[in-house]
C-alpha atoms as a PDB file:
ATOM      1  CA  MET A   1     -10.121  -4.926  10.715  1.00  0.00           C
ATOM      2  CA  SER A   2      -6.560  -3.664  11.150  1.00  0.00           C
ATOM      3  CA  THR A   3      -4.743  -1.259   8.854  1.00  0.00           C
ATOM      4  CA  LEU A   4      -2.591  -4.206   7.780  1.00  0.00           C
ATOM      5  CA  GLU A   5      -5.621  -6.229   6.700  1.00  0.00           C
ATOM      6  CA  HIS A   6      -7.178  -3.248   4.885  1.00  0.00           C
ATOM      7  CA  THR A   7      -3.853  -2.563   3.154  1.00  0.00           C
ATOM      8  CA  LYS A   8      -3.510  -6.176   2.008  1.00  0.00           C
ATOM      9  CA  ASN A   9      -7.040  -6.007   0.575  1.00  0.00           C
ATOM     10  CA  LEU A  10      -6.206  -2.767  -1.251  1.00  0.00           C
ATOM     11  CA  LEU A  11      -2.979  -4.257  -2.625  1.00  0.00           C
ATOM     12  CA  ASP A  12      -4.869  -7.317  -3.800  1.00  0.00           C
ATOM     13  CA  SER A  13      -7.516  -5.227  -5.517  1.00  0.00           C
ATOM     14  CA  ALA A  14      -5.371  -2.422  -6.977  1.00  0.00           C
ATOM     15  CA  LEU A  15      -2.685  -4.787  -8.280  1.00  0.00           C
ATOM     16  CA  SER A  16      -5.041  -7.601  -9.349  1.00  0.00           C
ATOM     17  CA  LEU A  17      -3.124 -10.126  -7.245  1.00  0.00           C
ATOM     18  CA  ASN A  18      -6.024 -12.602  -7.079  1.00  0.00           C
ATOM     19  CA  GLY A  19      -5.667 -13.202  -3.344  1.00  0.00           C
ATOM     20  CA  ARG A  20      -1.849 -13.349  -3.195  1.00  0.00           C
ATOM     21  CA  ALA A  21      -1.689 -10.301  -0.922  1.00  0.00           C
ATOM     22  CA  GLN A  22      -3.506 -12.211   1.813  1.00  0.00           C
ATOM     23  CA  ASN A  23      -0.245 -14.132   2.368  1.00  0.00           C
ATOM     24  CA  PHE A  24       1.761 -10.918   2.764  1.00  0.00           C
ATOM     25  CA  ASP A  25       3.083  -9.832   6.142  1.00  0.00           C
ATOM     26  CA  ARG A  26       4.747  -6.622   7.347  1.00  0.00           C
ATOM     27  CA  ASN A  27       8.124  -7.775   6.003  1.00  0.00           C
ATOM     28  CA  THR A  28       6.924  -8.559   2.481  1.00  0.00           C
ATOM     29  CA  THR A  29       8.923  -6.510  -0.018  1.00  0.00           C
ATOM     30  CA  LEU A  30       6.717  -4.489  -2.347  1.00  0.00           C
ATOM     31  CA  LEU A  31       9.065  -2.533  -4.624  1.00  0.00           C
ATOM     32  CA  GLY A  32      11.115  -5.081  -6.499  1.00  0.00           C
ATOM     33  CA  GLY A  33       9.273  -7.942  -4.829  1.00  0.00           C
ATOM     34  CA  VAL A  34       5.842  -7.653  -6.420  1.00  0.00           C
ATOM     35  CA  PRO A  35       6.229  -7.423 -10.214  1.00  0.00           C
ATOM     36  CA  GLU A  36       2.742  -5.936 -10.585  1.00  0.00           C
ATOM     37  CA  LEU A  37       3.784  -2.855  -8.563  1.00  0.00           C
ATOM     38  CA  ASP A  38       5.040  -0.609 -11.344  1.00  0.00           C
ATOM     39  CA  SER A  39       4.748   3.178 -11.595  1.00  0.00           C
ATOM     40  CA  MET A  40       1.186   3.064 -12.932  1.00  0.00           C
ATOM     41  CA  ALA A  41       0.144   0.609 -10.229  1.00  0.00           C
ATOM     42  CA  VAL A  42       1.576   2.925  -7.556  1.00  0.00           C
ATOM     43  CA  VAL A  43      -0.765   5.659  -8.797  1.00  0.00           C
ATOM     44  CA  SER A  44      -3.730   3.254  -8.657  1.00  0.00           C
ATOM     45  CA  LEU A  45      -2.753   2.115  -5.192  1.00  0.00           C
ATOM     46  CA  ILE A  46      -2.399   5.692  -3.927  1.00  0.00           C
ATOM     47  CA  THR A  47      -5.865   6.521  -5.275  1.00  0.00           C
ATOM     48  CA  ALA A  48      -7.311   3.439  -3.565  1.00  0.00           C
ATOM     49  CA  ILE A  49      -5.591   4.320  -0.265  1.00  0.00           C
ATOM     50  CA  GLU A  50      -6.838   7.903  -0.380  1.00  0.00           C
ATOM     51  CA  SER A  51     -10.373   6.795  -1.119  1.00  0.00           C
ATOM     52  CA  HIS A  52     -10.529   3.934   1.379  1.00  0.00           C
ATOM     53  CA  PHE A  53      -8.878   5.696   4.323  1.00  0.00           C
ATOM     54  CA  ASP A  54     -10.094   9.215   3.457  1.00  0.00           C
ATOM     55  CA  ILE A  55      -6.562  10.631   3.604  1.00  0.00           C
ATOM     56  CA  VAL A  56      -4.435  12.704   1.243  1.00  0.00           C
ATOM     57  CA  VAL A  57      -1.120  11.374  -0.031  1.00  0.00           C
ATOM     58  CA  ASP A  58       1.069  14.317  -0.998  1.00  0.00           C
ATOM     59  CA  ASP A  59       3.567  14.043  -3.841  1.00  0.00           C
ATOM     60  CA  ASP A  60       6.369  14.411  -1.271  1.00  0.00           C
ATOM     61  CA  ASP A  61       5.077  11.268   0.491  1.00  0.00           C
ATOM     62  CA  VAL A  62       5.551   9.093  -2.567  1.00  0.00           C
ATOM     63  CA  SER A  63       8.979   7.567  -2.061  1.00  0.00           C
ATOM     64  CA  ALA A  64      10.696   4.233  -2.318  1.00  0.00           C
ATOM     65  CA  GLU A  65      10.807   4.086   1.471  1.00  0.00           C
ATOM     66  CA  THR A  66       7.021   4.405   1.761  1.00  0.00           C
ATOM     67  CA  PHE A  67       6.441   1.535  -0.668  1.00  0.00           C
ATOM     68  CA  GLU A  68       9.447  -0.598   0.311  1.00  0.00           C
ATOM     69  CA  THR A  69       7.512  -3.169   2.352  1.00  0.00           C
ATOM     70  CA  VAL A  70       3.959  -3.846   3.426  1.00  0.00           C
ATOM     71  CA  GLY A  71       4.965  -2.675   6.908  1.00  0.00           C
ATOM     72  CA  SER A  72       6.387   0.644   5.700  1.00  0.00           C
ATOM     73  CA  LEU A  73       3.177   1.289   3.758  1.00  0.00           C
ATOM     74  CA  VAL A  74       1.003   0.395   6.771  1.00  0.00           C
ATOM     75  CA  ASP A  75       3.134   2.658   9.012  1.00  0.00           C
ATOM     76  CA  PHE A  76       2.715   5.500   6.521  1.00  0.00           C
ATOM     77  CA  ILE A  77      -1.067   5.038   6.425  1.00  0.00           C
ATOM     78  CA  ASP A  78      -1.240   4.844  10.231  1.00  0.00           C
ATOM     79  CA  SER A  79       0.769   8.084  10.514  1.00  0.00           C
ATOM     80  CA  ARG A  80      -1.746   9.831   8.232  1.00  0.00           C
ATOM     81  CA  LEU A  81      -4.706   8.443  10.151  1.00  0.00           C
ATOM     82  CA  GLU A  82      -3.251   9.726  13.430  1.00  0.00           C
ATOM     83  CA  GLY A  83      -2.428  13.163  12.060  1.00  0.00           C
END
């Protein structure tokens, strides 16, 4: 399963989207586009990402750019997996 597919599953679970995330693609806007993604949900999503991918998300990594789109989030995760 690709990072994109894993990320969509995590979004679906962490944000309780009831399957909606399965229709997301790399260009899907997260911040401002998914009402369920508020500040508390970002924390839940970060925890899920760290646990699932066994990576650490530093406070400095949490930015609007990282969570702008599904693609920007996937690219961030991939960069952590490579490093």
